[in-house]
Amino acid sequence: MKLTEELEAKFNAQITLEFEASLVYRQLAIEMDLIDLPGMATWLRRQADEEIVHANKFIDHLDARGNHPRIGDIAVGGLDGADDPKKAFEIALEHEQKVSESIRDLYRACDQAGDIDSNPLLNWFLSEQIEEESTIDEILGRLDHTGDDGPGLLRLDAEMAERPNRGTEE
């Protein structure tokens, strides 16, 4: 069943937001590389790839429903202070919260339109966003524990480098 034009527009906005998230994570990775934290940079690059996977899920959903996926304009800003690990992950958490709220809004719009066919996809994303926010919150907690402890920060950095590379296709 094809989505209404209004829902198609909302799904396309979500696609754009997922690609924006990928670029935010990629820029944060660059910032971590520049301050010699390659493990955090690796983790953030992997997260950037995961956001592309998320965008692809929405693209595939629209395509399967006979709609036209479109990527809108993307601007990445608001990353001031991202050259500090704690600030970088605070920015990441804020962006994930923005994505979570957008998915909840999309869920509500589909519910109001009686589009139950989108429920499996959106339910998956709701669970995924809980995990995303929790993971970043845990990283922030661990950064709080390290404080000014350089060796602790380097241990966390080394641990984060071990995140597997899953690429951008699932």
N, C-alpha and C. Protein backbone atom coordinates (compact mmCIF):
# COMPACT_ATOMS: atom_id res chain seq x y z
N MET A 1 0.83 -1.17 0.00
CA MET A 1 0.00 0.00 0.00
C MET A 1 0.89 1.25 0.00
N LYS A 2 0.69 2.11 -0.97
CA LYS A 2 1.47 3.33 -1.10
C LYS A 2 1.14 4.30 0.04
N LEU A 3 2.17 4.96 0.51
CA LEU A 3 2.01 5.97 1.56
C LEU A 3 1.39 7.24 0.98
N THR A 4 0.69 7.97 1.81
CA THR A 4 0.16 9.27 1.40
C THR A 4 1.34 10.22 1.12
N GLU A 5 1.06 11.29 0.42
CA GLU A 5 2.11 12.28 0.15
C GLU A 5 2.68 12.85 1.45
N GLU A 6 1.79 13.07 2.42
CA GLU A 6 2.23 13.62 3.70
C GLU A 6 3.18 12.66 4.41
N LEU A 7 2.83 11.38 4.44
CA LEU A 7 3.71 10.40 5.09
C LEU A 7 5.01 10.23 4.30
N GLU A 8 4.90 10.24 2.98
CA GLU A 8 6.11 10.13 2.16
C GLU A 8 7.07 11.27 2.50
N ALA A 9 6.54 12.47 2.65
CA ALA A 9 7.38 13.62 3.00
C ALA A 9 8.03 13.43 4.38
N LYS A 10 7.27 12.89 5.32
CA LYS A 10 7.82 12.66 6.67
C LYS A 10 8.91 11.58 6.64
N PHE A 11 8.70 10.53 5.87
CA PHE A 11 9.73 9.49 5.74
C PHE A 11 10.97 10.06 5.06
N ASN A 12 10.78 10.89 4.04
CA ASN A 12 11.93 11.51 3.38
C ASN A 12 12.68 12.44 4.31
N ALA A 13 11.97 13.13 5.18
CA ALA A 13 12.63 13.97 6.18
C ALA A 13 13.47 13.11 7.12
N GLN A 14 12.96 11.92 7.45
CA GLN A 14 13.71 11.01 8.32
C GLN A 14 14.96 10.49 7.61
N ILE A 15 14.82 10.18 6.33
CA ILE A 15 15.99 9.74 5.54
C ILE A 15 17.06 10.82 5.61
N THR A 16 16.67 12.06 5.38
CA THR A 16 17.61 13.17 5.42
C THR A 16 18.26 13.29 6.79
N LEU A 17 17.46 13.15 7.84
CA LEU A 17 17.98 13.24 9.21
C LEU A 17 18.99 12.13 9.50
N GLU A 18 18.74 10.93 8.99
CA GLU A 18 19.69 9.82 9.20
C GLU A 18 21.02 10.11 8.49
N PHE A 19 20.96 10.66 7.28
CA PHE A 19 22.20 11.03 6.60
C PHE A 19 22.90 12.18 7.32
N GLU A 20 22.12 13.11 7.86
CA GLU A 20 22.69 14.19 8.66
C GLU A 20 23.42 13.61 9.87
N ALA A 21 22.80 12.64 10.52
CA ALA A 21 23.43 11.98 11.68
C ALA A 21 24.76 11.35 11.27
N SER A 22 24.78 10.73 10.10
CA SER A 22 26.02 10.14 9.62
C SER A 22 27.12 11.19 9.48
N LEU A 23 26.75 12.33 8.93
CA LEU A 23 27.75 13.40 8.75
C LEU A 23 28.18 14.00 10.08
N VAL A 24 27.27 14.12 11.02
CA VAL A 24 27.64 14.61 12.35
C VAL A 24 28.66 13.66 12.97
N TYR A 25 28.37 12.36 12.93
CA TYR A 25 29.31 11.38 13.49
C TYR A 25 30.65 11.41 12.75
N ARG A 26 30.61 11.60 11.45
CA ARG A 26 31.85 11.63 10.69
C ARG A 26 32.69 12.83 11.09
N GLN A 27 32.04 14.00 11.27
CA GLN A 27 32.79 15.18 11.69
C GLN A 27 33.33 15.00 13.10
N LEU A 28 32.55 14.40 13.98
CA LEU A 28 33.05 14.14 15.33
C LEU A 28 34.25 13.19 15.29
N ALA A 29 34.23 12.23 14.38
CA ALA A 29 35.38 11.32 14.21
C ALA A 29 36.61 12.11 13.77
N ILE A 30 36.42 13.04 12.86
CA ILE A 30 37.54 13.87 12.42
C ILE A 30 38.13 14.63 13.61
N GLU A 31 37.23 15.18 14.43
CA GLU A 31 37.70 15.94 15.60
C GLU A 31 38.51 15.06 16.55
N MET A 32 38.08 13.82 16.75
CA MET A 32 38.82 12.92 17.63
C MET A 32 40.16 12.52 17.02
N ASP A 33 40.20 12.34 15.70
CA ASP A 33 41.47 12.07 15.03
C ASP A 33 42.45 13.22 15.25
N LEU A 34 41.94 14.44 15.16
CA LEU A 34 42.81 15.61 15.28
C LEU A 34 43.40 15.78 16.67
N ILE A 35 42.77 15.18 17.69
CA ILE A 35 43.33 15.27 19.05
C ILE A 35 43.93 13.93 19.49
N ASP A 36 44.25 13.12 18.50
CA ASP A 36 44.99 11.86 18.72
C ASP A 36 44.25 10.86 19.60
N LEU A 37 42.95 10.73 19.35
CA LEU A 37 42.16 9.68 19.99
C LEU A 37 41.58 8.79 18.89
N PRO A 38 42.43 7.96 18.29
CA PRO A 38 42.01 7.17 17.13
C PRO A 38 40.94 6.13 17.45
N GLY A 39 40.88 5.65 18.68
CA GLY A 39 39.86 4.67 19.04
C GLY A 39 38.48 5.29 19.03
N MET A 40 38.37 6.48 19.60
CA MET A 40 37.08 7.18 19.58
C MET A 40 36.72 7.56 18.15
N ALA A 41 37.72 7.96 17.37
CA ALA A 41 37.46 8.28 15.97
C ALA A 41 36.93 7.05 15.23
N THR A 42 37.51 5.91 15.49
CA THR A 42 37.04 4.67 14.86
C THR A 42 35.61 4.38 15.26
N TRP A 43 35.31 4.48 16.55
CA TRP A 43 33.95 4.22 17.04
C TRP A 43 32.96 5.15 16.35
N LEU A 44 33.31 6.42 16.25
CA LEU A 44 32.42 7.40 15.64
C LEU A 44 32.26 7.16 14.13
N ARG A 45 33.33 6.73 13.46
CA ARG A 45 33.20 6.38 12.03
C ARG A 45 32.27 5.19 11.86
N ARG A 46 32.37 4.21 12.73
CA ARG A 46 31.48 3.04 12.66
C ARG A 46 30.03 3.48 12.87
N GLN A 47 29.84 4.42 13.78
CA GLN A 47 28.50 4.94 14.03
C GLN A 47 27.98 5.70 12.81
N ALA A 48 28.85 6.44 12.15
CA ALA A 48 28.47 7.14 10.92
C ALA A 48 27.99 6.14 9.88
N ASP A 49 28.70 5.03 9.76
CA ASP A 49 28.28 3.97 8.82
C ASP A 49 26.92 3.41 9.20
N GLU A 50 26.71 3.21 10.49
CA GLU A 50 25.42 2.65 10.95
C GLU A 50 24.27 3.58 10.61
N GLU A 51 24.50 4.87 10.68
CA GLU A 51 23.44 5.82 10.33
C GLU A 51 23.07 5.72 8.85
N ILE A 52 24.03 5.41 8.00
CA ILE A 52 23.74 5.19 6.58
C ILE A 52 22.87 3.94 6.42
N VAL A 53 23.16 2.90 7.19
CA VAL A 53 22.32 1.70 7.19
C VAL A 53 20.89 2.08 7.56
N HIS A 54 20.75 2.93 8.57
CA HIS A 54 19.41 3.36 9.00
C HIS A 54 18.70 4.11 7.88
N ALA A 55 19.40 5.02 7.22
CA ALA A 55 18.80 5.75 6.10
C ALA A 55 18.36 4.77 5.02
N ASN A 56 19.19 3.77 4.75
CA ASN A 56 18.85 2.78 3.72
C ASN A 56 17.59 1.99 4.08
N LYS A 57 17.38 1.73 5.36
CA LYS A 57 16.15 1.02 5.77
C LYS A 57 14.91 1.86 5.43
N PHE A 58 14.99 3.15 5.68
CA PHE A 58 13.85 4.01 5.33
C PHE A 58 13.69 4.12 3.81
N ILE A 59 14.79 4.22 3.09
CA ILE A 59 14.74 4.27 1.63
C ILE A 59 14.08 3.01 1.10
N ASP A 60 14.52 1.86 1.58
CA ASP A 60 13.95 0.58 1.12
C ASP A 60 12.46 0.49 1.43
N HIS A 61 12.06 1.01 2.59
CA HIS A 61 10.65 0.97 2.97
C HIS A 61 9.81 1.80 1.99
N LEU A 62 10.27 3.00 1.69
CA LEU A 62 9.52 3.84 0.74
C LEU A 62 9.47 3.19 -0.64
N ASP A 63 10.59 2.67 -1.08
CA ASP A 63 10.64 2.04 -2.40
C ASP A 63 9.70 0.83 -2.46
N ALA A 64 9.71 0.02 -1.43
CA ALA A 64 8.85 -1.18 -1.40
C ALA A 64 7.37 -0.81 -1.41
N ARG A 65 7.06 0.36 -0.92
CA ARG A 65 5.66 0.80 -0.84
C ARG A 65 5.23 1.57 -2.09
N GLY A 66 6.12 1.72 -3.06
CA GLY A 66 5.77 2.42 -4.29
C GLY A 66 5.92 3.92 -4.20
N ASN A 67 6.65 4.38 -3.20
CA ASN A 67 6.88 5.81 -3.04
C ASN A 67 8.27 6.18 -3.56
N HIS A 68 8.57 7.47 -3.56
CA HIS A 68 9.83 7.97 -4.10
C HIS A 68 10.72 8.50 -2.98
N PRO A 69 11.74 7.72 -2.59
CA PRO A 69 12.67 8.22 -1.58
C PRO A 69 13.48 9.39 -2.14
N ARG A 70 13.66 10.40 -1.30
CA ARG A 70 14.44 11.58 -1.67
C ARG A 70 15.27 12.03 -0.47
N ILE A 71 16.49 12.41 -0.77
CA ILE A 71 17.36 12.98 0.26
C ILE A 71 17.26 14.49 0.15
N GLY A 72 16.93 15.13 1.26
CA GLY A 72 16.82 16.58 1.27
C GLY A 72 18.16 17.25 1.52
N ASP A 73 18.10 18.55 1.67
CA ASP A 73 19.30 19.34 1.95
C ASP A 73 19.83 19.00 3.35
N ILE A 74 21.14 18.92 3.44
CA ILE A 74 21.78 18.58 4.72
C ILE A 74 22.81 19.65 5.07
N ALA A 75 22.70 20.15 6.28
CA ALA A 75 23.68 21.09 6.82
C ALA A 75 24.10 20.58 8.19
N VAL A 76 25.38 20.48 8.38
CA VAL A 76 25.89 20.01 9.66
C VAL A 76 26.50 21.20 10.39
N GLY A 77 25.89 21.55 11.50
CA GLY A 77 26.39 22.66 12.30
C GLY A 77 26.22 22.35 13.77
N GLY A 78 26.52 23.30 14.60
CA GLY A 78 26.35 23.12 16.04
C GLY A 78 27.35 22.17 16.65
N LEU A 79 28.54 22.10 16.06
CA LEU A 79 29.54 21.17 16.58
C LEU A 79 30.66 21.89 17.31
N ASP A 80 30.38 23.10 17.77
CA ASP A 80 31.39 23.86 18.50
C ASP A 80 31.83 23.11 19.75
N GLY A 81 33.11 23.07 19.96
CA GLY A 81 33.65 22.40 21.14
C GLY A 81 33.84 20.92 20.97
N ALA A 82 33.62 20.42 19.75
CA ALA A 82 33.71 18.98 19.50
C ALA A 82 35.13 18.46 19.54
N ASP A 83 36.09 19.33 19.81
CA ASP A 83 37.48 18.86 19.93
C ASP A 83 37.78 18.37 21.34
N ASP A 84 36.76 18.25 22.15
CA ASP A 84 36.86 17.68 23.50
C ASP A 84 36.02 16.41 23.52
N PRO A 85 36.56 15.28 23.96
CA PRO A 85 35.80 14.02 23.91
C PRO A 85 34.44 14.10 24.58
N LYS A 86 34.38 14.67 25.76
CA LYS A 86 33.09 14.75 26.48
C LYS A 86 32.10 15.57 25.67
N LYS A 87 32.52 16.72 25.17
CA LYS A 87 31.63 17.57 24.39
C LYS A 87 31.21 16.85 23.09
N ALA A 88 32.12 16.14 22.47
CA ALA A 88 31.79 15.41 21.24
C ALA A 88 30.68 14.40 21.49
N PHE A 89 30.77 13.67 22.59
CA PHE A 89 29.74 12.67 22.87
C PHE A 89 28.46 13.30 23.40
N GLU A 90 28.55 14.47 24.01
CA GLU A 90 27.33 15.20 24.37
C GLU A 90 26.59 15.63 23.10
N ILE A 91 27.35 16.09 22.11
CA ILE A 91 26.75 16.46 20.82
C ILE A 91 26.11 15.23 20.17
N ALA A 92 26.80 14.10 20.25
CA ALA A 92 26.26 12.86 19.68
C ALA A 92 24.95 12.49 20.37
N LEU A 93 24.92 12.59 21.69
CA LEU A 93 23.70 12.25 22.43
C LEU A 93 22.57 13.19 22.06
N GLU A 94 22.85 14.47 21.98
CA GLU A 94 21.81 15.44 21.59
C GLU A 94 21.25 15.10 20.21
N HIS A 95 22.12 14.71 19.30
CA HIS A 95 21.64 14.38 17.96
C HIS A 95 20.81 13.10 17.98
N GLU A 96 21.23 12.11 18.75
CA GLU A 96 20.44 10.88 18.86
C GLU A 96 19.07 11.17 19.46
N GLN A 97 19.02 12.07 20.44
CA GLN A 97 17.73 12.43 21.02
C GLN A 97 16.84 13.11 19.99
N LYS A 98 17.43 13.92 19.13
CA LYS A 98 16.69 14.56 18.04
C LYS A 98 16.14 13.49 17.07
N VAL A 99 16.96 12.52 16.73
CA VAL A 99 16.54 11.44 15.85
C VAL A 99 15.43 10.62 16.52
N SER A 100 15.57 10.33 17.79
CA SER A 100 14.56 9.57 18.52
C SER A 100 13.21 10.27 18.48
N GLU A 101 13.22 11.56 18.75
CA GLU A 101 11.96 12.32 18.75
C GLU A 101 11.35 12.35 17.35
N SER A 102 12.18 12.45 16.34
CA SER A 102 11.69 12.45 14.96
C SER A 102 11.03 11.12 14.62
N ILE A 103 11.62 10.03 15.08
CA ILE A 103 11.03 8.71 14.83
C ILE A 103 9.71 8.56 15.59
N ARG A 104 9.66 9.06 16.81
CA ARG A 104 8.39 9.02 17.55
C ARG A 104 7.32 9.85 16.84
N ASP A 105 7.71 11.00 16.30
CA ASP A 105 6.76 11.82 15.54
C ASP A 105 6.28 11.08 14.29
N LEU A 106 7.19 10.41 13.62
CA LEU A 106 6.83 9.62 12.44
C LEU A 106 5.89 8.49 12.82
N TYR A 107 6.17 7.85 13.94
CA TYR A 107 5.30 6.77 14.43
C TYR A 107 3.89 7.31 14.69
N ARG A 108 3.81 8.46 15.37
CA ARG A 108 2.50 9.06 15.66
C ARG A 108 1.75 9.43 14.38
N ALA A 109 2.47 9.95 13.39
CA ALA A 109 1.84 10.32 12.11
C ALA A 109 1.31 9.08 11.39
N CYS A 110 2.08 8.00 11.42
CA CYS A 110 1.62 6.75 10.78
C CYS A 110 0.42 6.19 11.52
N ASP A 111 0.46 6.26 12.84
CA ASP A 111 -0.65 5.77 13.65
C ASP A 111 -1.92 6.57 13.34
N GLN A 112 -1.78 7.88 13.28
CA GLN A 112 -2.93 8.73 13.01
C GLN A 112 -3.49 8.47 11.60
N ALA A 113 -2.61 8.16 10.65
CA ALA A 113 -3.04 7.89 9.27
C ALA A 113 -3.54 6.46 9.10
N GLY A 114 -3.43 5.64 10.14
CA GLY A 114 -3.85 4.24 10.05
C GLY A 114 -2.89 3.39 9.24
N ASP A 115 -1.65 3.82 9.13
CA ASP A 115 -0.64 3.08 8.37
C ASP A 115 0.06 2.05 9.27
N ILE A 116 -0.58 0.91 9.44
CA ILE A 116 -0.01 -0.14 10.29
C ILE A 116 1.14 -0.87 9.61
N ASP A 117 1.26 -0.73 8.29
CA ASP A 117 2.34 -1.42 7.58
C ASP A 117 3.72 -0.88 7.93
N SER A 118 3.79 0.33 8.46
CA SER A 118 5.08 0.90 8.85
C SER A 118 5.48 0.50 10.27
N ASN A 119 4.56 -0.11 11.02
CA ASN A 119 4.83 -0.45 12.42
C ASN A 119 6.07 -1.32 12.64
N PRO A 120 6.27 -2.39 11.87
CA PRO A 120 7.47 -3.21 12.13
C PRO A 120 8.77 -2.41 12.00
N LEU A 121 8.86 -1.60 10.96
CA LEU A 121 10.06 -0.78 10.77
C LEU A 121 10.22 0.22 11.91
N LEU A 122 9.16 0.92 12.24
CA LEU A 122 9.25 1.95 13.27
C LEU A 122 9.46 1.36 14.65
N ASN A 123 8.88 0.19 14.93
CA ASN A 123 9.14 -0.47 16.21
C ASN A 123 10.61 -0.84 16.34
N TRP A 124 11.19 -1.32 15.24
CA TRP A 124 12.63 -1.65 15.25
C TRP A 124 13.43 -0.39 15.58
N PHE A 125 13.08 0.72 14.94
CA PHE A 125 13.81 1.96 15.17
C PHE A 125 13.63 2.49 16.59
N LEU A 126 12.44 2.35 17.14
CA LEU A 126 12.24 2.80 18.51
C LEU A 126 13.16 2.05 19.47
N SER A 127 13.27 0.74 19.29
CA SER A 127 14.19 -0.06 20.12
C SER A 127 15.64 0.32 19.86
N GLU A 128 15.97 0.52 18.60
CA GLU A 128 17.33 0.89 18.23
C GLU A 128 17.74 2.21 18.87
N GLN A 129 16.83 3.17 18.90
CA GLN A 129 17.16 4.48 19.47
C GLN A 129 17.37 4.40 20.98
N ILE A 130 16.64 3.54 21.65
CA ILE A 130 16.88 3.35 23.08
C ILE A 130 18.31 2.86 23.28
N GLU A 131 18.72 1.90 22.46
CA GLU A 131 20.08 1.35 22.54
C GLU A 131 21.12 2.42 22.21
N GLU A 132 20.87 3.21 21.16
CA GLU A 132 21.83 4.24 20.75
C GLU A 132 22.04 5.26 21.86
N GLU A 133 20.95 5.77 22.42
CA GLU A 133 21.07 6.77 23.48
C GLU A 133 21.75 6.17 24.72
N SER A 134 21.41 4.94 25.06
CA SER A 134 21.99 4.29 26.23
C SER A 134 23.50 4.10 26.07
N THR A 135 23.92 3.68 24.88
CA THR A 135 25.34 3.46 24.63
C THR A 135 26.13 4.75 24.77
N ILE A 136 25.62 5.82 24.18
CA ILE A 136 26.35 7.09 24.27
C ILE A 136 26.32 7.62 25.70
N ASP A 137 25.21 7.44 26.39
CA ASP A 137 25.13 7.85 27.79
C ASP A 137 26.17 7.10 28.62
N GLU A 138 26.36 5.83 28.33
CA GLU A 138 27.38 5.04 29.04
C GLU A 138 28.78 5.57 28.75
N ILE A 139 29.04 5.90 27.48
CA ILE A 139 30.35 6.48 27.13
C ILE A 139 30.57 7.77 27.89
N LEU A 140 29.54 8.61 27.97
CA LEU A 140 29.66 9.86 28.72
C LEU A 140 29.95 9.59 30.20
N GLY A 141 29.29 8.59 30.75
CA GLY A 141 29.54 8.22 32.14
C GLY A 141 30.98 7.78 32.35
N ARG A 142 31.49 7.01 31.41
CA ARG A 142 32.88 6.55 31.52
C ARG A 142 33.85 7.71 31.35
N LEU A 143 33.51 8.67 30.48
CA LEU A 143 34.35 9.85 30.35
C LEU A 143 34.34 10.66 31.64
N ASP A 144 33.20 10.71 32.32
CA ASP A 144 33.13 11.39 33.62
C ASP A 144 34.07 10.71 34.62
N HIS A 145 34.09 9.37 34.59
CA HIS A 145 34.95 8.63 35.52
C HIS A 145 36.43 8.89 35.25
N THR A 146 36.79 9.09 33.99
CA THR A 146 38.20 9.32 33.70
C THR A 146 38.64 10.71 34.13
N GLY A 147 37.72 11.68 34.07
CA GLY A 147 38.08 13.04 34.48
C GLY A 147 39.33 13.50 33.75
N ASP A 148 40.34 13.93 34.53
CA ASP A 148 41.60 14.38 33.96
C ASP A 148 42.64 13.26 33.91
N ASP A 149 42.20 12.04 34.09
CA ASP A 149 43.11 10.89 34.11
C ASP A 149 43.47 10.49 32.67
N GLY A 150 44.62 10.96 32.21
CA GLY A 150 45.07 10.65 30.84
C GLY A 150 45.12 9.17 30.54
N PRO A 151 45.74 8.35 31.41
CA PRO A 151 45.77 6.92 31.13
C PRO A 151 44.37 6.29 31.05
N GLY A 152 43.45 6.78 31.87
CA GLY A 152 42.08 6.27 31.81
C GLY A 152 41.42 6.60 30.48
N LEU A 153 41.64 7.81 30.01
CA LEU A 153 41.10 8.22 28.71
C LEU A 153 41.70 7.38 27.59
N LEU A 154 43.00 7.12 27.67
CA LEU A 154 43.64 6.30 26.63
C LEU A 154 43.16 4.86 26.68
N ARG A 155 42.86 4.33 27.86
CA ARG A 155 42.30 2.97 27.96
C ARG A 155 40.92 2.92 27.30
N LEU A 156 40.08 3.92 27.59
CA LEU A 156 38.76 3.99 26.97
C LEU A 156 38.90 4.13 25.46
N ASP A 157 39.82 4.96 25.02
CA ASP A 157 40.05 5.14 23.59
C ASP A 157 40.43 3.82 22.93
N ALA A 158 41.33 3.08 23.55
CA ALA A 158 41.77 1.80 22.99
C ALA A 158 40.61 0.81 22.93
N GLU A 159 39.78 0.80 23.96
CA GLU A 159 38.63 -0.10 23.99
C GLU A 159 37.64 0.24 22.87
N MET A 160 37.43 1.52 22.64
CA MET A 160 36.46 1.93 21.63
C MET A 160 36.93 1.60 20.22
N ALA A 161 38.23 1.45 20.04
CA ALA A 161 38.77 1.09 18.72
C ALA A 161 38.36 -0.31 18.30
N GLU A 162 37.93 -1.12 19.24
CA GLU A 162 37.60 -2.52 18.94
C GLU A 162 36.21 -2.70 18.35
N ARG A 163 35.45 -1.63 18.19
CA ARG A 163 34.11 -1.75 17.59
C ARG A 163 34.25 -2.31 16.18
N PRO A 164 33.51 -3.38 15.89
CA PRO A 164 33.65 -3.99 14.56
C PRO A 164 33.11 -3.10 13.43
N ASN A 165 33.69 -3.28 12.26
CA ASN A 165 33.25 -2.54 11.08
C ASN A 165 32.22 -3.38 10.34
N ARG A 166 31.00 -2.88 10.27
CA ARG A 166 29.93 -3.60 9.59
C ARG A 166 29.61 -2.98 8.24
N GLY A 167 30.23 -1.86 7.91
CA GLY A 167 30.00 -1.21 6.63
C GLY A 167 28.67 -0.49 6.61
N THR A 168 28.23 -0.12 5.41
CA THR A 168 27.01 0.65 5.26
C THR A 168 25.86 -0.14 4.66
N GLU A 169 26.08 -1.41 4.42
CA GLU A 169 25.01 -2.25 3.88
C GLU A 169 24.71 -3.37 4.88
N GLU A 170 23.44 -3.65 5.06
CA GLU A 170 23.07 -4.72 6.00
C GLU A 170 22.30 -5.79 5.32
